[in-house]
Amino acid sequence: IDGFLKELEERLGYRFRDPANLNAALIHSSAAETAGARPSERLEFLGDAVLGLVFSDLLMARYPECDEGRLSRFRAALVKTSSFAAKARELRLNEYLMLGRGEERTGGREKSSILAATYEAVMGAIFAESGYEPVKAAVSQHFGEAIDRVGPLATIDPKTELQERLQRTHRTTPAY
């Protein structure tokens, strides 16, 4: 099993000092032995918060010319279930995930919500073990290209664009 986890650590771009931290992130609540505090859910909670901060930090560095409104749109385009689930699939986290029988039978290994939560839990485990910088390095490795592409691709919807132009040029908001 050591070689199995080393392969995952290589894909993650982080080597755990204590493999129990990674294992805790990979045990879905359906496979947890107790009904109390579930380590993966706690790590997911932590990872969710850390990922929001890391993406904000990376976006501010990549797009220094953008205001907070645009940066928020960029972050929203990146920090979402579908992005994290896709990254979990790419990293093959689903192969390492420990699920209860019910989730296993109903295809839990491919459910976007479970995969996204697992990615968040793994990032939470890295943060809990080593702090901010290793998470930032891993996310930068995992999402660097997406962060570079989000600026040109994250377009404003036409209604918002119209409102912003009218406010800029006429100092008024349109009435609908």
Protein backbone atom coordinates (compact mmCIF):
# COMPACT_ATOMS: atom_id res chain seq x y z
CA ILE A 1 0.00 0.00 0.00
CA ASP A 2 3.00 2.34 0.51
CA GLY A 3 3.76 2.37 -3.22
CA PHE A 4 0.10 2.99 -3.89
CA LEU A 5 0.09 6.17 -1.78
CA LYS A 6 3.48 7.33 -3.09
CA GLU A 7 2.04 7.32 -6.60
CA LEU A 8 -0.84 9.50 -5.40
CA GLU A 9 1.54 11.84 -3.56
CA GLU A 10 3.52 12.31 -6.78
CA ARG A 11 0.37 13.33 -8.64
CA LEU A 12 -0.66 15.62 -5.76
CA GLY A 13 2.75 17.30 -5.69
CA TYR A 14 3.02 16.81 -1.94
CA ARG A 15 4.56 14.11 0.26
CA PHE A 16 2.78 13.50 3.56
CA ARG A 17 4.99 13.15 6.61
CA ASP A 18 2.20 11.14 8.23
CA PRO A 19 0.24 9.01 5.73
CA ALA A 20 -2.60 8.82 8.28
CA ASN A 21 -3.44 12.43 7.34
CA LEU A 22 -3.94 11.47 3.71
CA ASN A 23 -5.88 8.34 4.69
CA ALA A 24 -8.23 10.42 6.86
CA ALA A 25 -9.05 12.61 3.85
CA LEU A 26 -9.83 9.58 1.70
CA ILE A 27 -12.34 7.89 4.03
CA HIS A 28 -15.80 9.04 2.96
CA SER A 29 -18.38 9.49 5.71
CA SER A 30 -20.28 6.46 4.34
CA ALA A 31 -17.27 4.30 5.30
CA ALA A 32 -16.59 5.98 8.66
CA GLU A 33 -16.84 3.60 11.60
CA THR A 34 -18.35 6.06 14.07
CA ALA A 35 -21.33 8.36 13.85
CA GLY A 36 -19.46 11.21 15.56
CA ALA A 37 -16.91 13.58 14.07
CA ARG A 38 -15.78 12.30 10.69
CA PRO A 39 -12.20 13.29 9.86
CA SER A 40 -12.78 13.65 6.11
CA GLU A 41 -15.70 16.03 6.66
CA ARG A 42 -13.64 18.14 9.05
CA LEU A 43 -10.76 18.19 6.55
CA GLU A 44 -13.21 19.08 3.76
CA PHE A 45 -14.45 22.02 5.86
CA LEU A 46 -10.88 23.21 6.36
CA GLY A 47 -9.92 22.58 2.73
CA ASP A 48 -12.90 24.55 1.46
CA ALA A 49 -11.79 27.62 3.42
CA VAL A 50 -8.13 27.26 2.48
CA LEU A 51 -8.93 26.79 -1.21
CA GLY A 52 -10.95 30.00 -1.26
CA LEU A 53 -7.99 31.86 0.21
CA VAL A 54 -5.42 30.19 -2.07
CA PHE A 55 -7.41 30.93 -5.23
CA SER A 56 -7.92 34.54 -4.12
CA ASP A 57 -4.18 34.89 -3.50
CA LEU A 58 -3.22 33.30 -6.84
CA LEU A 59 -5.76 35.36 -8.79
CA MET A 60 -4.64 38.63 -7.20
CA ALA A 61 -1.04 37.85 -8.14
CA ARG A 62 -1.94 36.78 -11.70
CA TYR A 63 -4.36 39.67 -12.40
CA PRO A 64 -3.04 42.75 -10.54
CA GLU A 65 -5.02 45.06 -12.81
CA CYS A 66 -8.43 43.59 -11.89
CA ASP A 67 -10.78 44.95 -9.27
CA GLU A 68 -12.39 42.79 -6.60
CA GLY A 69 -15.57 42.32 -8.64
CA ARG A 70 -13.72 40.72 -11.54
CA LEU A 71 -11.50 38.71 -9.21
CA SER A 72 -14.64 37.41 -7.49
CA ARG A 73 -16.07 36.32 -10.85
CA PHE A 74 -12.79 34.61 -11.74
CA ARG A 75 -12.73 32.82 -8.40
CA ALA A 76 -16.36 31.73 -8.81
CA ALA A 77 -15.49 30.30 -12.24
CA LEU A 78 -12.71 28.20 -10.67
CA VAL A 79 -13.83 27.36 -7.13
CA LYS A 80 -16.78 25.10 -7.77
CA THR A 81 -17.80 21.48 -7.48
CA SER A 82 -17.28 20.69 -11.16
CA SER A 83 -13.69 22.04 -11.14
CA PHE A 84 -12.70 20.18 -8.00
CA ALA A 85 -14.42 16.98 -9.15
CA ALA A 86 -12.61 17.14 -12.50
CA LYS A 87 -9.29 17.65 -10.71
CA ALA A 88 -10.05 14.73 -8.37
CA ARG A 89 -10.70 12.53 -11.43
CA GLU A 90 -7.51 13.73 -13.10
CA LEU A 91 -5.54 12.96 -9.93
CA ARG A 92 -7.40 9.63 -9.72
CA LEU A 93 -8.52 10.28 -6.15
CA ASN A 94 -11.56 8.10 -6.86
CA GLU A 95 -9.25 5.07 -7.01
CA TYR A 96 -8.06 5.71 -3.45
CA LEU A 97 -11.41 6.72 -1.96
CA MET A 98 -12.84 4.47 0.73
CA LEU A 99 -16.63 4.30 0.48
CA GLY A 100 -19.35 2.48 2.35
CA ARG A 101 -21.16 -0.34 0.55
CA GLY A 102 -24.19 1.81 -0.27
CA GLU A 103 -22.14 4.57 -1.91
CA GLU A 104 -20.04 1.99 -3.71
CA ARG A 105 -23.19 0.35 -5.14
CA THR A 106 -24.71 3.65 -6.25
CA GLY A 107 -21.62 4.87 -8.10
CA GLY A 108 -20.25 7.14 -5.38
CA ARG A 109 -16.77 6.85 -6.83
CA GLU A 110 -17.92 8.95 -9.80
CA LYS A 111 -20.25 11.40 -8.03
CA SER A 112 -19.03 14.95 -8.54
CA SER A 113 -20.08 16.03 -5.04
CA ILE A 114 -18.06 13.24 -3.42
CA LEU A 115 -15.04 13.80 -5.65
CA ALA A 116 -15.04 17.57 -5.04
CA ALA A 117 -15.35 17.00 -1.29
CA THR A 118 -12.44 14.56 -1.44
CA TYR A 119 -10.24 17.10 -3.23
CA GLU A 120 -11.12 19.67 -0.57
CA ALA A 121 -10.39 17.15 2.20
CA VAL A 122 -6.99 16.28 0.72
CA MET A 123 -6.09 19.99 0.50
CA GLY A 124 -7.32 20.37 4.10
CA ALA A 125 -5.06 17.49 5.14
CA ILE A 126 -2.06 19.14 3.48
CA PHE A 127 -2.87 22.40 5.25
CA ALA A 128 -3.34 20.69 8.62
CA GLU A 129 0.01 18.95 8.26
CA SER A 130 2.16 21.67 6.69
CA GLY A 131 0.33 24.98 6.46
CA TYR A 132 -0.52 27.39 3.68
CA GLU A 133 2.45 27.34 1.30
CA PRO A 134 2.31 23.63 0.38
CA VAL A 135 -1.41 23.95 -0.42
CA LYS A 136 -0.70 27.03 -2.52
CA ALA A 137 2.06 25.15 -4.39
CA ALA A 138 -0.21 22.15 -5.03
CA VAL A 139 -3.14 24.28 -6.21
CA SER A 140 -0.82 26.31 -8.41
CA GLN A 141 0.41 23.07 -9.96
CA HIS A 142 -3.13 21.68 -10.33
CA PHE A 143 -4.89 24.84 -11.54
CA GLY A 144 -2.13 27.09 -12.93
CA GLU A 145 -3.29 26.81 -16.53
CA ALA A 146 -6.94 27.32 -15.55
CA ILE A 147 -5.98 30.46 -13.61
CA ASP A 148 -4.12 31.76 -16.67
CA ARG A 149 -7.14 31.07 -18.89
CA VAL A 150 -9.89 32.36 -16.60
CA GLY A 151 -9.25 36.06 -17.30
CA PRO A 152 -9.96 35.98 -21.03
CA LEU A 153 -12.68 33.34 -20.66
CA ALA A 154 -14.63 34.73 -17.71
CA THR A 155 -16.98 37.02 -19.53
CA ILE A 156 -19.59 39.15 -17.90
CA ASP A 157 -23.17 38.36 -18.73
CA PRO A 158 -24.74 40.95 -21.10
CA LYS A 159 -27.10 42.39 -18.47
CA THR A 160 -24.27 43.03 -16.02
CA GLU A 161 -22.10 44.47 -18.78
CA LEU A 162 -24.90 46.88 -19.78
CA GLN A 163 -25.40 47.94 -16.16
CA GLU A 164 -21.68 48.55 -15.69
CA ARG A 165 -21.39 50.59 -18.90
CA LEU A 166 -24.43 52.71 -18.05
CA GLN A 167 -23.13 53.34 -14.55
CA ARG A 168 -19.71 54.28 -15.92
CA THR A 169 -20.90 56.57 -18.70
CA HIS A 170 -24.22 57.95 -17.41
CA ARG A 171 -23.88 57.39 -13.65
CA THR A 172 -27.25 55.63 -13.58
CA THR A 173 -28.68 52.15 -13.33
CA PRO A 174 -31.13 51.07 -16.03
CA ALA A 175 -34.79 50.55 -15.15
CA TYR A 176 -36.30 47.33 -16.45
